[in-house]
Amino acid sequence: AKAPKIVRMIPANGDQEVDPGLTKIEIE
């Protein structure tokens, strides 16, 4: 009940078309 959950992720988990120019991984 106290455990955090992921709202969004960049890139999205499982994405097979990620831009190789992406410079950061973000997790909210």
PDB file of all heavy atoms in Angstrom:
ATOM      1  N   ALA A   1       0.829  -1.207   0.000  1.00  0.00           N
ATOM      2  CA  ALA A   1       0.000   0.000   0.000  1.00  0.00           C
ATOM      3  C   ALA A   1       0.863   1.257   0.000  1.00  0.00           C
ATOM      4  O   ALA A   1       0.443   2.311  -0.486  1.00  0.00           O
ATOM      5  CB  ALA A   1      -0.921  -0.007   1.210  1.00  0.00           C
ATOM      6  N   LYS A   2       2.065   1.136   0.546  1.00  0.00           N
ATOM      7  CA  LYS A   2       2.978   2.283   0.599  1.00  0.00           C
ATOM      8  C   LYS A   2       3.946   2.301  -0.581  1.00  0.00           C
ATOM      9  O   LYS A   2       4.731   3.246  -0.715  1.00  0.00           O
ATOM     10  CB  LYS A   2       3.787   2.228   1.899  1.00  0.00           C
ATOM     11  CG  LYS A   2       2.955   2.257   3.166  1.00  0.00           C
ATOM     12  CD  LYS A   2       3.849   2.073   4.388  1.00  0.00           C
ATOM     13  CE  LYS A   2       3.028   2.009   5.670  1.00  0.00           C
ATOM     14  NZ  LYS A   2       3.895   1.769   6.858  1.00  0.00           N
ATOM     15  N   ALA A   3       3.908   1.265  -1.393  1.00  0.00           N
ATOM     16  CA  ALA A   3       4.884   1.143  -2.472  1.00  0.00           C
ATOM     17  C   ALA A   3       4.615   2.149  -3.593  1.00  0.00           C
ATOM     18  O   ALA A   3       3.463   2.341  -3.996  1.00  0.00           O
ATOM     19  CB  ALA A   3       4.857  -0.269  -3.044  1.00  0.00           C
ATOM     20  N   PRO A   4       5.650   2.794  -4.105  1.00  0.00           N
ATOM     21  CA  PRO A   4       5.461   3.726  -5.224  1.00  0.00           C
ATOM     22  C   PRO A   4       5.120   2.984  -6.507  1.00  0.00           C
ATOM     23  O   PRO A   4       5.468   1.818  -6.681  1.00  0.00           O
ATOM     24  CB  PRO A   4       6.830   4.414  -5.332  1.00  0.00           C
ATOM     25  CG  PRO A   4       7.796   3.415  -4.767  1.00  0.00           C
ATOM     26  CD  PRO A   4       7.056   2.696  -3.683  1.00  0.00           C
ATOM     27  N   LYS A   5       4.447   3.676  -7.403  1.00  0.00           N
ATOM     28  CA  LYS A   5       4.109   3.125  -8.712  1.00  0.00           C
ATOM     29  C   LYS A   5       4.595   4.093  -9.789  1.00  0.00           C
ATOM     30  O   LYS A   5       4.681   5.305  -9.553  1.00  0.00           O
ATOM     31  CB  LYS A   5       2.598   2.886  -8.832  1.00  0.00           C
ATOM     32  CG  LYS A   5       2.073   1.859  -7.840  1.00  0.00           C
ATOM     33  CD  LYS A   5       0.564   1.719  -7.948  1.00  0.00           C
ATOM     34  CE  LYS A   5       0.050   0.650  -6.982  1.00  0.00           C
ATOM     35  NZ  LYS A   5       0.389   0.943  -5.578  1.00  0.00           N
ATOM     36  N   ILE A   6       4.883   3.551 -10.952  1.00  0.00           N
ATOM     37  CA  ILE A   6       5.387   4.370 -12.057  1.00  0.00           C
ATOM     38  C   ILE A   6       4.214   4.973 -12.829  1.00  0.00           C
ATOM     39  O   ILE A   6       3.303   4.250 -13.257  1.00  0.00           O
ATOM     40  CB  ILE A   6       6.277   3.534 -12.985  1.00  0.00           C
ATOM     41  CG1 ILE A   6       7.541   3.093 -12.230  1.00  0.00           C
ATOM     42  CG2 ILE A   6       6.653   4.314 -14.234  1.00  0.00           C
ATOM     43  CD1 ILE A   6       8.438   2.151 -13.007  1.00  0.00           C
ATOM     44  N   VAL A   7       4.265   6.290 -13.001  1.00  0.00           N
ATOM     45  CA  VAL A   7       3.219   7.005 -13.737  1.00  0.00           C
ATOM     46  C   VAL A   7       3.563   7.051 -15.224  1.00  0.00           C
ATOM     47  O   VAL A   7       2.721   6.809 -16.081  1.00  0.00           O
ATOM     48  CB  VAL A   7       3.048   8.436 -13.184  1.00  0.00           C
ATOM     49  CG1 VAL A   7       2.054   9.220 -14.043  1.00  0.00           C
ATOM     50  CG2 VAL A   7       2.599   8.394 -11.731  1.00  0.00           C
ATOM     51  N   ARG A   8       4.800   7.348 -15.538  1.00  0.00           N
ATOM     52  CA  ARG A   8       5.239   7.388 -16.933  1.00  0.00           C
ATOM     53  C   ARG A   8       6.734   7.103 -16.999  1.00  0.00           C
ATOM     54  O   ARG A   8       7.466   7.260 -16.004  1.00  0.00           O
ATOM     55  CB  ARG A   8       4.936   8.739 -17.587  1.00  0.00           C
ATOM     56  CG  ARG A   8       5.735   9.878 -17.013  1.00  0.00           C
ATOM     57  CD  ARG A   8       5.449  11.206 -17.724  1.00  0.00           C
ATOM     58  NE  ARG A   8       6.185  12.307 -17.080  1.00  0.00           N
ATOM     59  CZ  ARG A   8       7.426  12.649 -17.379  1.00  0.00           C
ATOM     60  NH1 ARG A   8       8.075  12.000 -18.349  1.00  0.00           N
ATOM     61  NH2 ARG A   8       8.031  13.639 -16.741  1.00  0.00           N
ATOM     62  N   MET A   9       7.166   6.705 -18.187  1.00  0.00           N
ATOM     63  CA  MET A   9       8.579   6.409 -18.389  1.00  0.00           C
ATOM     64  C   MET A   9       8.971   6.831 -19.795  1.00  0.00           C
ATOM     65  O   MET A   9       8.233   6.568 -20.756  1.00  0.00           O
ATOM     66  CB  MET A   9       8.825   4.910 -18.205  1.00  0.00           C
ATOM     67  CG  MET A   9      10.298   4.501 -18.225  1.00  0.00           C
ATOM     68  SD  MET A   9      10.482   2.687 -18.056  1.00  0.00           S
ATOM     69  CE  MET A   9       9.685   2.421 -16.472  1.00  0.00           C
ATOM     70  N   ILE A  10      10.102   7.494 -19.908  1.00  0.00           N
ATOM     71  CA  ILE A  10      10.650   7.882 -21.216  1.00  0.00           C
ATOM     72  C   ILE A  10      12.055   7.311 -21.329  1.00  0.00           C
ATOM     73  O   ILE A  10      12.924   7.658 -20.528  1.00  0.00           O
ATOM     74  CB  ILE A  10      10.704   9.417 -21.383  1.00  0.00           C
ATOM     75  CG1 ILE A  10       9.299  10.028 -21.250  1.00  0.00           C
ATOM     76  CG2 ILE A  10      11.302   9.780 -22.734  1.00  0.00           C
ATOM     77  CD1 ILE A  10       9.310  11.549 -21.285  1.00  0.00           C
ATOM     78  N   PRO A  11      12.241   6.372 -22.293  1.00  0.00           N
ATOM     79  CA  PRO A  11      11.264   5.855 -23.250  1.00  0.00           C
ATOM     80  C   PRO A  11      10.275   4.912 -22.571  1.00  0.00           C
ATOM     81  O   PRO A  11      10.557   4.398 -21.486  1.00  0.00           O
ATOM     82  CB  PRO A  11      12.147   5.097 -24.257  1.00  0.00           C
ATOM     83  CG  PRO A  11      13.303   4.642 -23.447  1.00  0.00           C
ATOM     84  CD  PRO A  11      13.575   5.746 -22.465  1.00  0.00           C
ATOM     85  N   ALA A  12       9.161   4.646 -23.229  1.00  0.00           N
ATOM     86  CA  ALA A  12       8.176   3.737 -22.672  1.00  0.00           C
ATOM     87  C   ALA A  12       8.756   2.324 -22.596  1.00  0.00           C
ATOM     88  O   ALA A  12       9.509   1.909 -23.490  1.00  0.00           O
ATOM     89  CB  ALA A  12       6.907   3.745 -23.527  1.00  0.00           C
ATOM     90  N   ASN A  13       8.409   1.640 -21.553  1.00  0.00           N
ATOM     91  CA  ASN A  13       8.904   0.273 -21.389  1.00  0.00           C
ATOM     92  C   ASN A  13       8.422  -0.596 -22.549  1.00  0.00           C
ATOM     93  O   ASN A  13       7.236  -0.648 -22.851  1.00  0.00           O
ATOM     94  CB  ASN A  13       8.409  -0.301 -20.056  1.00  0.00           C
ATOM     95  CG  ASN A  13       9.227  -1.492 -19.604  1.00  0.00           C
ATOM     96  OD1 ASN A  13      10.108  -1.960 -20.317  1.00  0.00           O
ATOM     97  ND2 ASN A  13       8.932  -1.985 -18.414  1.00  0.00           N
ATOM     98  N   GLY A  14       9.357  -1.261 -23.222  1.00  0.00           N
ATOM     99  CA  GLY A  14       9.007  -2.128 -24.336  1.00  0.00           C
ATOM    100  C   GLY A  14       9.029  -1.451 -25.688  1.00  0.00           C
ATOM    101  O   GLY A  14       8.843  -2.124 -26.718  1.00  0.00           O
ATOM    102  N   ASP A  15       9.252  -0.155 -25.725  1.00  0.00           N
ATOM    103  CA  ASP A  15       9.269   0.581 -27.000  1.00  0.00           C
ATOM    104  C   ASP A  15      10.376   0.021 -27.909  1.00  0.00           C
ATOM    105  O   ASP A  15      11.538  -0.089 -27.497  1.00  0.00           O
ATOM    106  CB  ASP A  15       9.517   2.065 -26.719  1.00  0.00           C
ATOM    107  CG  ASP A  15       9.276   2.948 -27.950  1.00  0.00           C
ATOM    108  OD1 ASP A  15       9.230   2.416 -29.077  1.00  0.00           O
ATOM    109  OD2 ASP A  15       9.153   4.178 -27.771  1.00  0.00           O
ATOM    110  N   GLN A  16      10.016  -0.308 -29.147  1.00  0.00           N
ATOM    111  CA  GLN A  16      10.969  -0.872 -30.105  1.00  0.00           C
ATOM    112  C   GLN A  16      11.440   0.140 -31.138  1.00  0.00           C
ATOM    113  O   GLN A  16      12.181  -0.205 -32.061  1.00  0.00           O
ATOM    114  CB  GLN A  16      10.326  -2.063 -30.825  1.00  0.00           C
ATOM    115  CG  GLN A  16       9.946  -3.201 -29.898  1.00  0.00           C
ATOM    116  CD  GLN A  16      11.157  -3.817 -29.227  1.00  0.00           C
ATOM    117  OE1 GLN A  16      12.016  -4.407 -29.894  1.00  0.00           O
ATOM    118  NE2 GLN A  16      11.225  -3.714 -27.907  1.00  0.00           N
ATOM    119  N   GLU A  17      11.017   1.401 -30.997  1.00  0.00           N
ATOM    120  CA  GLU A  17      11.379   2.438 -31.954  1.00  0.00           C
ATOM    121  C   GLU A  17      11.889   3.685 -31.241  1.00  0.00           C
ATOM    122  O   GLU A  17      11.517   4.811 -31.559  1.00  0.00           O
ATOM    123  CB  GLU A  17      10.169   2.791 -32.826  1.00  0.00           C
ATOM    124  CG  GLU A  17       9.759   1.707 -33.805  1.00  0.00           C
ATOM    125  CD  GLU A  17      10.758   1.534 -34.946  1.00  0.00           C
ATOM    126  OE1 GLU A  17      11.426   2.531 -35.294  1.00  0.00           O
ATOM    127  OE2 GLU A  17      10.875   0.418 -35.468  1.00  0.00           O
ATOM    128  N   VAL A  18      12.776   3.496 -30.299  1.00  0.00           N
ATOM    129  CA  VAL A  18      13.295   4.622 -29.516  1.00  0.00           C
ATOM    130  C   VAL A  18      14.313   5.405 -30.346  1.00  0.00           C
ATOM    131  O   VAL A  18      15.164   4.828 -31.031  1.00  0.00           O
ATOM    132  CB  VAL A  18      13.949   4.116 -28.210  1.00  0.00           C
ATOM    133  CG1 VAL A  18      14.581   5.272 -27.437  1.00  0.00           C
ATOM    134  CG2 VAL A  18      12.913   3.402 -27.347  1.00  0.00           C
ATOM    135  N   ASP A  19      14.222   6.718 -30.281  1.00  0.00           N
ATOM    136  CA  ASP A  19      15.170   7.591 -30.979  1.00  0.00           C
ATOM    137  C   ASP A  19      16.561   7.408 -30.356  1.00  0.00           C
ATOM    138  O   ASP A  19      16.748   7.651 -29.156  1.00  0.00           O
ATOM    139  CB  ASP A  19      14.712   9.046 -30.826  1.00  0.00           C
ATOM    140  CG  ASP A  19      15.628  10.035 -31.530  1.00  0.00           C
ATOM    141  OD1 ASP A  19      16.643   9.604 -32.132  1.00  0.00           O
ATOM    142  OD2 ASP A  19      15.329  11.246 -31.466  1.00  0.00           O
ATOM    143  N   PRO A  20      17.563   6.982 -31.144  1.00  0.00           N
ATOM    144  CA  PRO A  20      18.912   6.803 -30.580  1.00  0.00           C
ATOM    145  C   PRO A  20      19.530   8.115 -30.116  1.00  0.00           C
ATOM    146  O   PRO A  20      20.534   8.108 -29.398  1.00  0.00           O
ATOM    147  CB  PRO A  20      19.704   6.194 -31.739  1.00  0.00           C
ATOM    148  CG  PRO A  20      18.960   6.593 -32.972  1.00  0.00           C
ATOM    149  CD  PRO A  20      17.514   6.629 -32.574  1.00  0.00           C
ATOM    150  N   GLY A  21      18.930   9.237 -30.500  1.00  0.00           N
ATOM    151  CA  GLY A  21      19.417  10.541 -30.054  1.00  0.00           C
ATOM    152  C   GLY A  21      18.890  10.947 -28.691  1.00  0.00           C
ATOM    153  O   GLY A  21      19.261  11.994 -28.161  1.00  0.00           O
ATOM    154  N   LEU A  22      18.024  10.105 -28.097  1.00  0.00           N
ATOM    155  CA  LEU A  22      17.492  10.399 -26.765  1.00  0.00           C
ATOM    156  C   LEU A  22      18.650  10.517 -25.770  1.00  0.00           C
ATOM    157  O   LEU A  22      19.526   9.656 -25.722  1.00  0.00           O
ATOM    158  CB  LEU A  22      16.541   9.278 -26.327  1.00  0.00           C
ATOM    159  CG  LEU A  22      15.794   9.490 -25.007  1.00  0.00           C
ATOM    160  CD1 LEU A  22      14.736  10.570 -25.168  1.00  0.00           C
ATOM    161  CD2 LEU A  22      15.151   8.188 -24.545  1.00  0.00           C
ATOM    162  N   THR A  23      18.659  11.562 -24.970  1.00  0.00           N
ATOM    163  CA  THR A  23      19.809  11.826 -24.086  1.00  0.00           C
ATOM    164  C   THR A  23      19.528  11.543 -22.612  1.00  0.00           C
ATOM    165  O   THR A  23      20.428  11.698 -21.777  1.00  0.00           O
ATOM    166  CB  THR A  23      20.262  13.281 -24.216  1.00  0.00           C
ATOM    167  OG1 THR A  23      19.166  14.147 -23.850  1.00  0.00           O
ATOM    168  CG2 THR A  23      20.711  13.579 -25.641  1.00  0.00           C
ATOM    169  N   LYS A  24      18.312  11.146 -22.285  1.00  0.00           N
ATOM    170  CA  LYS A  24      18.045  10.876 -20.873  1.00  0.00           C
ATOM    171  C   LYS A  24      16.865   9.911 -20.731  1.00  0.00           C
ATOM    172  O   LYS A  24      15.953   9.896 -21.551  1.00  0.00           O
ATOM    173  CB  LYS A  24      17.752  12.171 -20.111  1.00  0.00           C
ATOM    174  CG  LYS A  24      16.585  12.977 -20.664  1.00  0.00           C
ATOM    175  CD  LYS A  24      16.453  14.306 -19.934  1.00  0.00           C
ATOM    176  CE  LYS A  24      15.306  15.135 -20.521  1.00  0.00           C
ATOM    177  NZ  LYS A  24      15.168  16.435 -19.830  1.00  0.00           N
ATOM    178  N   ILE A  25      16.938   9.123 -19.684  1.00  0.00           N
ATOM    179  CA  ILE A  25      15.836   8.243 -19.303  1.00  0.00           C
ATOM    180  C   ILE A  25      15.143   8.897 -18.116  1.00  0.00           C
ATOM    181  O   ILE A  25      15.799   9.247 -17.120  1.00  0.00           O
ATOM    182  CB  ILE A  25      16.350   6.842 -18.934  1.00  0.00           C
ATOM    183  CG1 ILE A  25      16.902   6.153 -20.181  1.00  0.00           C
ATOM    184  CG2 ILE A  25      15.240   6.000 -18.307  1.00  0.00           C
ATOM    185  CD1 ILE A  25      17.582   4.821 -19.899  1.00  0.00           C
ATOM    186  N   GLU A  26      13.844   9.073 -18.220  1.00  0.00           N
ATOM    187  CA  GLU A  26      13.072   9.712 -17.158  1.00  0.00           C
ATOM    188  C   GLU A  26      12.005   8.759 -16.638  1.00  0.00           C
ATOM    189  O   GLU A  26      11.346   8.079 -17.415  1.00  0.00           O
ATOM    190  CB  GLU A  26      12.390  10.991 -17.653  1.00  0.00           C
ATOM    191  CG  GLU A  26      13.307  12.170 -17.828  1.00  0.00           C
ATOM    192  CD  GLU A  26      12.536  13.451 -18.131  1.00  0.00           C
ATOM    193  OE1 GLU A  26      11.296  13.380 -18.304  1.00  0.00           O
ATOM    194  OE2 GLU A  26      13.173  14.514 -18.181  1.00  0.00           O
ATOM    195  N   ILE A  27      11.834   8.748 -15.330  1.00  0.00           N
ATOM    196  CA  ILE A  27      10.806   7.919 -14.702  1.00  0.00           C
ATOM    197  C   ILE A  27      10.075   8.770 -13.681  1.00  0.00           C
ATOM    198  O   ILE A  27      10.697   9.379 -12.800  1.00  0.00           O
ATOM    199  CB  ILE A  27      11.422   6.688 -14.003  1.00  0.00           C
ATOM    200  CG1 ILE A  27      12.221   5.856 -15.000  1.00  0.00           C
ATOM    201  CG2 ILE A  27      10.342   5.845 -13.350  1.00  0.00           C
ATOM    202  CD1 ILE A  27      13.159   4.878 -14.369  1.00  0.00           C
ATOM    203  N   GLU A  28       8.746   8.832 -13.816  1.00  0.00           N
ATOM    204  CA  GLU A  28       7.928   9.603 -12.885  1.00  0.00           C
ATOM    205  C   GLU A  28       7.149   8.648 -11.989  1.00  0.00           C
ATOM    206  O   GLU A  28       6.526   7.694 -12.464  1.00  0.00           O
ATOM    207  CB  GLU A  28       6.952  10.520 -13.632  1.00  0.00           C
ATOM    208  CG  GLU A  28       6.099  11.370 -12.697  1.00  0.00           C
ATOM    209  CD  GLU A  28       5.151  12.293 -13.430  1.00  0.00           C
ATOM    210  OE1 GLU A  28       5.227  12.359 -14.683  1.00  0.00           O
ATOM    211  OE2 GLU A  28       4.326  12.948 -12.758  1.00  0.00           O
TER     212      GLU A  28
END
